[in-house]
Protein backbone atom coordinates (compact mmCIF):
# COMPACT_ATOMS: atom_id res chain seq x y z
CA MET A 1 150.66 46.49 117.70
CA ARG A 2 153.44 48.96 117.66
CA LYS A 3 153.93 48.43 113.90
CA ILE A 4 150.23 48.99 113.15
CA LEU A 5 150.27 52.18 115.26
CA TYR A 6 153.31 53.30 113.23
CA ILE A 7 151.55 52.76 109.96
CA ILE A 8 148.46 54.47 111.15
CA LEU A 9 150.56 57.49 112.07
CA LEU A 10 152.13 57.38 108.49
CA ILE A 11 148.60 57.44 107.16
CA ILE A 12 147.57 60.33 109.23
CA ILE A 13 150.70 62.33 108.17
CA SER A 14 150.11 61.29 104.52
CA THR A 15 146.45 62.39 104.55
CA THR A 16 147.39 65.72 106.21
CA MET A 17 150.08 66.38 103.58
CA SER A 18 147.76 65.73 100.74
CA GLY A 19 145.92 68.83 101.58
CA GLY A 20 148.97 70.90 100.82
CA HIS A 21 147.82 72.13 97.48
CA LEU A 22 144.81 73.69 99.15
CA VAL A 23 146.97 75.55 101.59
CA PHE A 24 149.20 76.53 98.62
CA ALA A 25 146.26 77.96 96.70
CA GLN A 26 145.56 80.30 99.52
CA ASN A 27 149.03 81.61 99.88
CA ALA A 28 149.88 85.32 99.07
CA GLU A 29 151.51 84.66 95.71
CA VAL A 30 148.58 82.79 94.26
CA ASP A 31 146.12 85.31 95.77
CA SER A 32 148.13 88.09 94.06
CA LEU A 33 147.82 86.28 90.63
CA ASN A 34 144.13 85.72 91.13
CA SER A 35 143.79 89.46 91.89
CA GLU A 36 145.64 90.47 88.76
CA ILE A 37 143.45 88.01 86.71
CA SER A 38 140.35 89.50 88.15
CA ASN A 39 141.48 93.11 87.36
CA LYS A 40 142.25 92.08 83.82
CA LYS A 41 138.88 90.59 83.41
CA SER A 42 137.22 93.92 84.65
CA GLU A 43 139.52 95.81 82.27
CA ILE A 44 138.32 93.65 79.25
CA ASP A 45 134.76 94.07 80.14
CA SER A 46 135.21 97.79 80.28
CA ILE A 47 136.84 98.00 76.91
CA ASN A 48 134.16 95.77 75.40
CA SER A 49 131.48 98.10 76.71
CA LYS A 50 133.29 100.95 74.84
CA MET A 51 133.54 98.94 71.83
CA ASP A 52 129.75 98.24 71.79
CA THR A 53 129.15 102.05 71.74
CA TYR A 54 131.41 102.43 68.59
CA LYS A 55 129.80 99.34 66.91
CA LYS A 56 126.37 100.96 67.32
CA LYS A 57 127.64 104.23 65.82
CA ILE A 58 129.32 102.45 62.80
CA GLN A 59 126.07 100.53 62.16
CA GLU A 60 124.15 103.86 62.09
CA LEU A 61 126.63 105.38 59.78
CA SER A 62 126.55 102.25 57.51
CA SER A 63 122.87 102.57 57.02
CA LYS A 64 123.22 106.29 55.89
CA SER A 65 123.49 107.36 52.26
CA ALA A 66 127.01 107.42 50.86
CA ASN A 67 128.78 110.71 51.02
CA LEU A 68 132.22 112.05 51.83
CA ARG A 69 131.56 113.31 55.35
CA ASN A 70 129.71 110.16 56.29
CA ASP A 71 132.44 107.99 54.97
CA ILE A 72 135.06 109.93 56.80
CA GLU A 73 133.21 109.76 60.04
CA LEU A 74 132.63 105.97 59.47
CA ILE A 75 136.42 105.40 58.88
CA GLU A 76 137.09 107.47 62.04
CA ASN A 77 134.81 105.30 64.20
CA GLN A 78 136.35 102.12 62.74
CA THR A 79 139.79 103.40 63.62
CA ALA A 80 138.65 104.05 67.24
CA LEU A 81 137.14 100.58 67.36
CA ALA A 82 140.35 98.97 66.07
CA LYS A 83 142.42 100.75 68.68
CA LEU A 84 140.01 99.38 71.41
CA ASP A 85 140.12 95.94 69.88
CA ILE A 86 143.92 95.97 69.99
CA GLU A 87 143.81 97.06 73.63
CA ALA A 88 141.31 94.25 74.54
CA THR A 89 143.41 91.73 72.82
CA ARG A 90 146.46 92.81 74.67
CA ALA A 91 144.69 92.60 77.99
CA ASN A 92 143.49 89.11 76.94
CA ILE A 93 147.15 88.07 76.17
CA LYS A 94 148.07 89.33 79.77
CA LYS A 95 145.28 87.40 81.31
CA GLN A 96 146.30 84.24 79.50
CA GLN A 97 149.93 84.73 80.62
CA LEU A 98 148.79 85.15 84.25
CA GLU A 99 146.56 82.05 84.10
CA ILE A 100 149.39 80.02 82.74
CA GLU A 101 151.62 81.28 85.55
CA GLU A 102 148.99 80.28 88.10
CA ILE A 103 148.53 76.79 86.48
CA ASP A 104 152.33 76.36 86.59
CA LYS A 105 152.35 76.96 90.29
CA GLN A 106 149.54 74.42 90.76
CA ILE A 107 151.37 71.78 88.62
CA THR A 108 154.49 72.26 90.66
CA GLU A 109 152.56 71.81 94.01
CA GLU A 110 150.63 68.88 92.69
CA THR A 111 153.79 67.16 91.45
CA ALA A 112 155.15 67.63 94.95
CA THR A 113 152.16 66.21 96.46
CA ILE A 114 152.20 63.08 94.37
CA GLU A 115 155.91 62.46 95.17
CA ASN A 116 155.12 62.84 98.84
CA GLN A 117 152.13 60.55 98.56
CA LYS A 118 154.22 57.98 96.67
CA ALA A 119 157.05 58.00 99.39
CA MET A 120 154.47 57.56 102.10
CA LEU A 121 152.70 54.64 100.42
CA GLU A 122 155.98 52.98 99.82
CA GLU A 123 156.94 53.42 103.40
CA MET A 124 153.49 52.00 104.59
CA LEU A 125 153.77 48.98 102.23
CA PHE A 126 157.28 48.39 103.45
CA GLU A 127 156.27 48.44 106.97
CA LEU A 128 153.38 46.05 106.36
CA HIS A 129 155.79 43.63 104.65
CA LYS A 130 158.10 43.82 107.64
CA SER A 131 155.28 42.91 109.96
CA ASP A 132 155.05 39.71 108.05
CA LYS A 133 151.70 40.33 106.34
CA ILE A 134 149.66 41.23 109.43
CA GLY A 135 146.21 39.58 109.14
CA LEU A 136 143.20 38.56 111.11
CA VAL A 137 144.54 35.13 112.10
CA GLN A 138 147.73 36.48 113.52
CA VAL A 139 145.78 39.15 115.48
CA LEU A 140 143.48 36.39 116.96
CA PHE A 141 146.29 34.11 118.02
CA SER A 142 148.69 36.82 119.42
CA SER A 143 145.97 38.73 121.45
CA GLN A 144 146.07 38.41 125.23
CA ASP A 145 142.27 38.91 125.60
CA PHE A 146 139.19 39.76 123.70
CA ASN A 147 139.66 43.64 124.39
CA GLN A 148 143.07 43.57 122.87
CA MET A 149 141.86 41.39 119.89
CA PHE A 150 139.01 43.82 119.07
CA THR A 151 141.58 46.70 119.37
CA GLU A 152 143.91 45.05 117.00
CA ILE A 153 141.08 44.37 114.44
CA GLU A 154 140.00 48.04 114.59
CA ASN A 155 143.59 48.98 113.99
CA LEU A 156 143.81 46.73 110.95
CA GLU A 157 140.65 48.29 109.69
CA SER A 158 141.92 51.71 110.10
CA VAL A 159 145.09 50.70 108.23
CA ASN A 160 142.96 49.38 105.26
CA LYS A 161 140.74 52.45 105.22
CA GLY A 162 143.84 54.63 105.54
CA LEU A 163 145.49 53.02 102.69
CA ASN A 164 142.34 53.19 100.47
CA LYS A 165 142.14 56.96 101.34
CA ALA A 166 145.87 57.62 100.68
CA LEU A 167 145.48 55.85 97.27
CA THR A 168 142.30 57.85 96.44
CA THR A 169 144.10 61.03 97.35
CA SER A 170 147.06 60.13 95.22
CA LYS A 171 144.90 59.43 92.28
CA ALA A 172 142.88 62.61 92.74
CA ALA A 173 146.27 64.60 92.90
CA LYS A 174 147.32 62.85 89.67
CA ASP A 175 144.04 63.54 87.91
CA GLY A 176 144.26 67.18 88.95
CA LEU A 177 147.79 67.36 87.65
CA GLU A 178 146.66 65.93 84.13
CA THR A 179 143.68 68.41 84.09
CA ASN A 180 146.04 71.29 84.75
CA LYS A 181 148.52 70.19 82.17
CA ALA A 182 145.76 70.00 79.61
CA GLY A 183 144.46 73.32 80.75
CA ARG A 184 147.89 74.91 80.39
CA GLN A 185 148.24 73.66 76.85
CA GLU A 186 144.80 75.04 75.99
CA ARG A 187 145.76 78.38 77.24
CA LEU A 188 149.04 78.26 75.39
CA ASP A 189 147.21 77.50 72.08
CA GLY A 190 144.92 80.34 72.92
CA LEU A 191 147.83 82.61 73.55
CA VAL A 192 149.24 81.97 70.02
CA SER A 193 145.95 82.49 68.57
CA LEU A 194 145.52 85.93 70.42
CA GLU A 195 148.94 86.97 69.35
CA ALA A 196 148.18 86.21 65.69
CA ASP A 197 144.90 88.22 66.17
CA LEU A 198 146.91 91.18 67.54
CA LYS A 199 149.05 91.26 64.39
CA GLN A 200 145.94 91.14 62.28
CA LYS A 201 144.15 93.88 64.22
CA ILE A 202 147.32 96.07 64.14
CA ASN A 203 147.24 95.68 60.24
CA THR A 204 143.56 96.54 60.22
CA LEU A 205 144.33 99.64 62.29
CA THR A 206 147.05 100.79 59.95
CA ALA A 207 144.69 100.21 56.97
CA ASN A 208 141.89 102.25 58.50
CA GLU A 209 144.29 105.16 59.25
CA GLU A 210 145.54 105.14 55.81
CA ALA A 211 142.06 104.83 54.34
CA LYS A 212 141.03 108.27 55.66
CA ASN A 213 144.16 109.86 54.17
CA THR A 214 143.53 108.10 50.84
CA LEU A 215 139.90 109.14 50.72
CA ILE A 216 140.81 112.85 51.49
CA ALA A 217 143.60 112.82 48.85
CA GLU A 218 141.44 111.14 46.16
CA THR A 219 138.56 113.43 46.57
CA GLN A 220 140.50 116.53 47.63
CA SER A 221 137.85 116.85 50.33
CA SER A 222 135.24 117.67 47.72
CA GLU A 223 131.80 116.03 47.75
CA ALA A 224 131.72 116.58 43.91
CA GLU A 225 134.91 114.68 43.50
CA TYR A 226 133.70 111.95 45.69
CA ARG A 227 130.63 111.43 43.52
CA ILE A 228 132.79 111.37 40.40
CA MET A 229 135.10 108.87 41.89
CA MET A 230 132.31 106.59 43.15
CA SER A 231 130.88 106.61 39.67
CA GLU A 232 134.25 105.73 38.06
CA LEU A 233 135.01 103.05 40.47
CA ARG A 234 131.56 101.27 39.98
CA GLN A 235 131.88 101.70 36.15
CA GLU A 236 135.30 100.04 36.23
CA GLN A 237 133.90 97.05 38.23
CA GLN A 238 131.03 96.60 35.79
CA TYR A 239 133.35 96.86 32.85
CA ILE A 240 135.53 94.05 34.26
CA THR A 241 132.59 91.80 34.95
CA THR A 242 131.18 92.27 31.41
CA GLN A 243 134.43 91.81 29.62
CA ILE A 244 135.28 88.52 31.50
CA SER A 245 131.88 87.12 30.64
CA LYS A 246 132.61 87.82 26.93
CA LEU A 247 136.14 86.44 26.90
CA GLN A 248 135.56 83.44 29.17
CA ALA A 249 134.31 80.87 26.57
CA GLU A 250 136.74 82.10 23.92
CA ILE A 251 139.91 81.89 26.08
CA GLU A 252 138.77 78.49 27.60
CA ALA A 253 138.53 77.18 23.95
CA LYS A 254 141.85 78.51 23.28
CA ILE A 255 143.32 76.80 26.49
CA ARG A 256 141.81 73.45 25.40
CA ASN A 257 143.13 73.67 21.86
CA SER A 258 146.59 74.83 22.70
CA ASP A 259 149.61 72.55 22.71
CA ASN A 260 150.53 74.21 26.17
CA SER A 261 147.33 73.03 27.82
CA ALA A 262 148.71 69.75 28.89
CA ASP A 263 151.66 71.39 30.65
CA LEU A 264 149.47 73.78 32.68
CA GLY A 265 148.31 71.35 35.32
CA ASP A 266 145.00 70.84 36.96
CA PRO A 267 142.91 73.94 36.33
CA GLY A 268 140.55 73.26 39.45
CA VAL A 269 143.46 73.62 42.02
CA PHE A 270 144.14 77.13 43.33
CA ILE A 271 147.10 78.40 45.47
CA ASP A 272 147.68 81.46 47.54
CA PRO A 273 149.32 84.06 45.27
CA VAL A 274 151.35 85.68 48.03
CA PRO A 275 151.87 82.93 50.93
CA SER A 276 154.00 85.19 52.96
CA ALA A 277 151.35 88.09 53.11
CA VAL A 278 148.92 89.04 55.86
CA THR A 279 145.31 89.33 55.29
CA THR A 280 143.86 92.89 55.89
CA ALA A 281 140.45 92.51 54.35
CA ILE A 282 138.25 89.56 53.30
CA PHE A 283 135.53 88.95 50.72
CA HIS A 284 132.50 91.46 51.43
CA ASP A 285 134.29 92.49 54.68
CA PRO A 286 131.84 94.32 56.90
CA THR A 287 134.75 96.40 58.23
CA TYR A 288 136.08 97.42 54.79
CA PRO A 289 136.42 101.31 55.15
CA PHE A 290 135.17 102.01 51.58
CA ARG A 291 132.23 99.71 51.44
CA ASN A 292 129.92 102.67 50.90
CA LEU A 293 131.78 103.24 47.75
CA PHE A 294 131.64 99.62 46.50
CA GLU A 295 131.34 96.21 48.07
CA HIS A 296 134.85 94.64 48.69
CA SER A 297 135.02 91.93 46.08
CA GLY A 298 138.24 90.15 46.92
CA HIS A 299 140.78 89.23 49.55
CA ASP A 300 143.49 91.81 50.51
CA LEU A 301 147.06 90.41 51.22
CA ALA A 302 149.39 92.99 52.68
CA ALA A 303 153.10 92.49 51.75
CA PRO A 304 156.19 94.73 51.09
CA THR A 305 156.25 96.41 47.68
CA GLY A 306 158.03 94.14 45.18
CA THR A 307 157.01 90.89 46.76
CA PRO A 308 156.34 88.42 43.94
CA ILE A 309 152.75 87.56 42.97
CA ARG A 310 152.19 84.02 41.69
CA ALA A 311 149.37 82.79 39.38
CA SER A 312 146.77 80.92 41.57
CA ALA A 313 145.89 78.49 38.78
CA PRO A 314 147.06 77.72 35.23
CA GLY A 315 145.36 79.77 32.37
CA VAL A 316 145.70 82.57 29.94
CA VAL A 317 146.29 86.24 30.72
CA ALA A 318 143.20 88.08 29.46
CA TRP A 319 144.72 91.45 29.98
CA THR A 320 147.19 93.72 31.84
CA LYS A 321 145.64 97.24 32.53
CA ARG A 322 145.65 100.19 34.82
CA GLY A 323 142.49 101.52 36.25
CA ARG A 324 141.55 104.11 38.86
CA ASP A 325 140.41 101.51 41.44
CA TYR A 326 142.58 98.41 40.65
CA GLY A 327 145.69 100.33 39.58
CA ASN A 328 147.94 97.97 37.73
CA TYR A 329 146.03 94.72 37.49
CA VAL A 330 146.10 91.33 35.75
CA ILE A 331 143.29 89.09 34.83
CA ILE A 332 143.88 85.36 34.08
CA ILE A 333 141.12 83.18 32.62
CA HIS A 334 140.98 79.50 33.83
CA GLU A 335 138.96 76.50 32.69
CA GLY A 336 135.62 75.63 34.34
CA GLY A 337 134.25 79.27 34.28
CA PHE A 338 136.92 80.55 36.67
CA SER A 339 139.09 83.67 36.38
CA THR A 340 141.41 85.35 38.96
CA LEU A 341 142.21 89.10 39.31
CA TYR A 342 145.41 90.55 40.76
CA ALA A 343 145.29 94.38 41.58
CA HIS A 344 147.51 97.22 42.81
CA MET A 345 150.66 95.69 41.27
CA SER A 346 153.95 97.82 41.26
CA ALA A 347 154.93 96.06 38.04
CA PHE A 348 153.77 93.30 35.51
CA ASN A 349 155.71 90.13 34.60
CA VAL A 350 153.22 88.88 32.00
CA LYS A 351 151.58 90.00 28.78
CA GLN A 352 148.16 89.70 27.28
CA ASP A 353 147.48 86.16 25.72
CA GLN A 354 150.34 84.67 27.54
CA PHE A 355 149.96 81.08 28.99
CA VAL A 356 150.85 80.77 32.65
CA ALA A 357 151.35 77.70 34.92
CA ARG A 358 150.35 77.59 38.53
CA GLY A 359 153.02 79.40 40.54
CA ASP A 360 154.36 81.52 37.71
CA ILE A 361 155.37 84.91 38.78
CA ILE A 362 153.00 87.38 37.08
CA GLY A 363 153.86 90.67 38.78
CA TYR A 364 154.91 92.31 42.00
CA VAL A 365 153.06 93.78 45.11
CA GLY A 366 152.46 97.48 44.97
CA SER A 367 150.07 100.26 45.97
CA THR A 368 148.77 101.65 42.59
CA GLY A 369 145.23 102.78 42.06
CA PHE A 370 142.74 103.39 44.92
CA SER A 371 144.94 101.77 47.60
CA THR A 372 145.87 102.50 51.31
CA GLY A 373 149.29 100.81 51.17
CA PRO A 374 151.23 97.90 49.53
CA HIS A 375 149.12 94.80 49.13
CA LEU A 376 147.54 92.46 46.61
CA HIS A 377 143.86 92.69 46.06
CA PHE A 378 143.04 89.15 44.87
CA GLU A 379 139.82 88.14 43.39
CA VAL A 380 138.32 84.74 42.30
CA ARG A 381 135.46 84.96 39.77
CA LEU A 382 133.10 82.34 38.60
CA ASN A 383 131.43 83.13 35.28
CA GLY A 384 132.59 86.81 35.70
CA ILE A 385 131.00 87.17 39.22
CA PRO A 386 133.35 87.56 42.22
CA VAL A 387 133.09 84.69 44.81
CA ASP A 388 134.80 84.28 48.17
CA PRO A 389 138.43 83.22 47.47
CA ARG A 390 138.63 81.31 50.72
CA ASN A 391 136.21 78.80 49.26
CA TYR A 392 138.67 77.87 46.50
CA VAL A 393 142.11 78.62 47.92
CA PRO A 394 143.26 76.23 50.74
CA GLY A 395 145.02 78.00 53.55
CA LEU A 396 143.64 81.52 52.63
CA LYS A 397 142.18 83.08 55.84
């Protein structure tokens, strides 16, 4: 009888202790974390509301006819939006860090709860074993009267129910621990992604700030110069498209008939020309600051001046030239109707009609032509028409 009462007492203590994580969740430290998380959410909501205002303004400006004043105002609004975007991302990073801190505390408490439950269950099972496997037959034969017998049976039922409850509580604590661990990893992954986004957005902000200076410098704040520049840039793009279309079949035949063709490798496989670079603008980027002047026809990869640029696929150099828009640029013709363009180079490392293999250094990153800073403007073209490089170059984002 005394053994059973002792076990029941252990069960009561165990069940009481299993609620420790609920008490913990209400302590001042966790309350403070929850308050900080809530404040960050409010801050993010406020920033997003301001961003919506700028997005509407940018949409209005984008629909207006292209002129110097509208373009400068558009860039200024994009710059303000980029600053808010960075602010929101930093707030999101802080919120994720606070949530991870809160989960860490929950994991610590749940681990302690599981250990306590484990110790209690071991003690209960040990006491049951010492009592020589207490069962119904022993209760019936050891009881002095029916009242005592029924009391003993009720105590045994309480022990069984208590054990089941303790086991259920332990399982729930363990499940909660696994859920929190998974949630922690998810937030850590999200944190890594947010930090990468932050770097990208800082690069976008820098590009937008430089875009305004570049536009003013190129046009000398003159609407007439703006019109001349717009015409020249569009003519240059049209010239390239026309010339590639003319040269494609001729150079492809040259590749097939050359002794070097077997050494060039699979023409259908493209690589990132500057793997260490950071993307600052994508194909037909809706945030591109000069899209009123021309549609962004490639992928911009920011890297320090002098960074080697590699041929994305094997082929023949169609030409190396200098233009107002592209600055120093190289075009390589590949088989299958493909060509690639590499612009704003600081220097060339190839010549016209030269065969190049995939990965050969063809030039170096620069900021020549209509450029806001050191980067490679990279294009993939199919039958002379620009296509999204991300559809052909694995890993390009």
